[in-house]
Amino acid sequence: YQYYKKKRHPRPASLTAKAGMSASKLLKQLGQFPKAEEFAREGVEIFKITCGETNPLTAGALHDLGDILWCQRRREEAREALHRSYELEVMKDAFSLITVLEIHNLLMDTYLKDTTEIVRGPI
């Protein structure tokens, strides 16, 4: 990751974001959520700059970020990232129903799990 980051300096590059997202996924698996979040947030921002707000790479990075935030039980932030990812995923020409359902389930978990009160209004 550092190699790509140094090589692109000072301009952002999607290859840097891809490397960062891979590092983020590994760190999440190792339970190092704050560091994983850092890489994921950087990846989201780089994808937005290099690929656009509605690009599938941005959607995937938001999905990963939302998952990491939910692992930390940061409910509101996770909802924001997952909701945006959900919107972008279903806009794709050839979307994966499996991915959409994964995002949907994570998003619903933020409303239904580890809570003392279920919100019964519009989501």
Foldseek 3Di string as FASTA:
>chain_A
DVVVVVVQPPAQDLVQLVVLQVVLVVCVVVVVLVSSLVSLVVSLVSCCVPPNLLDLSNLVSLLSNLVSCVVVPVLPSSLVSLVSSLVSQVPDPDHDPVVNVVSVVSNVCSQPPPDPDHDDDDD
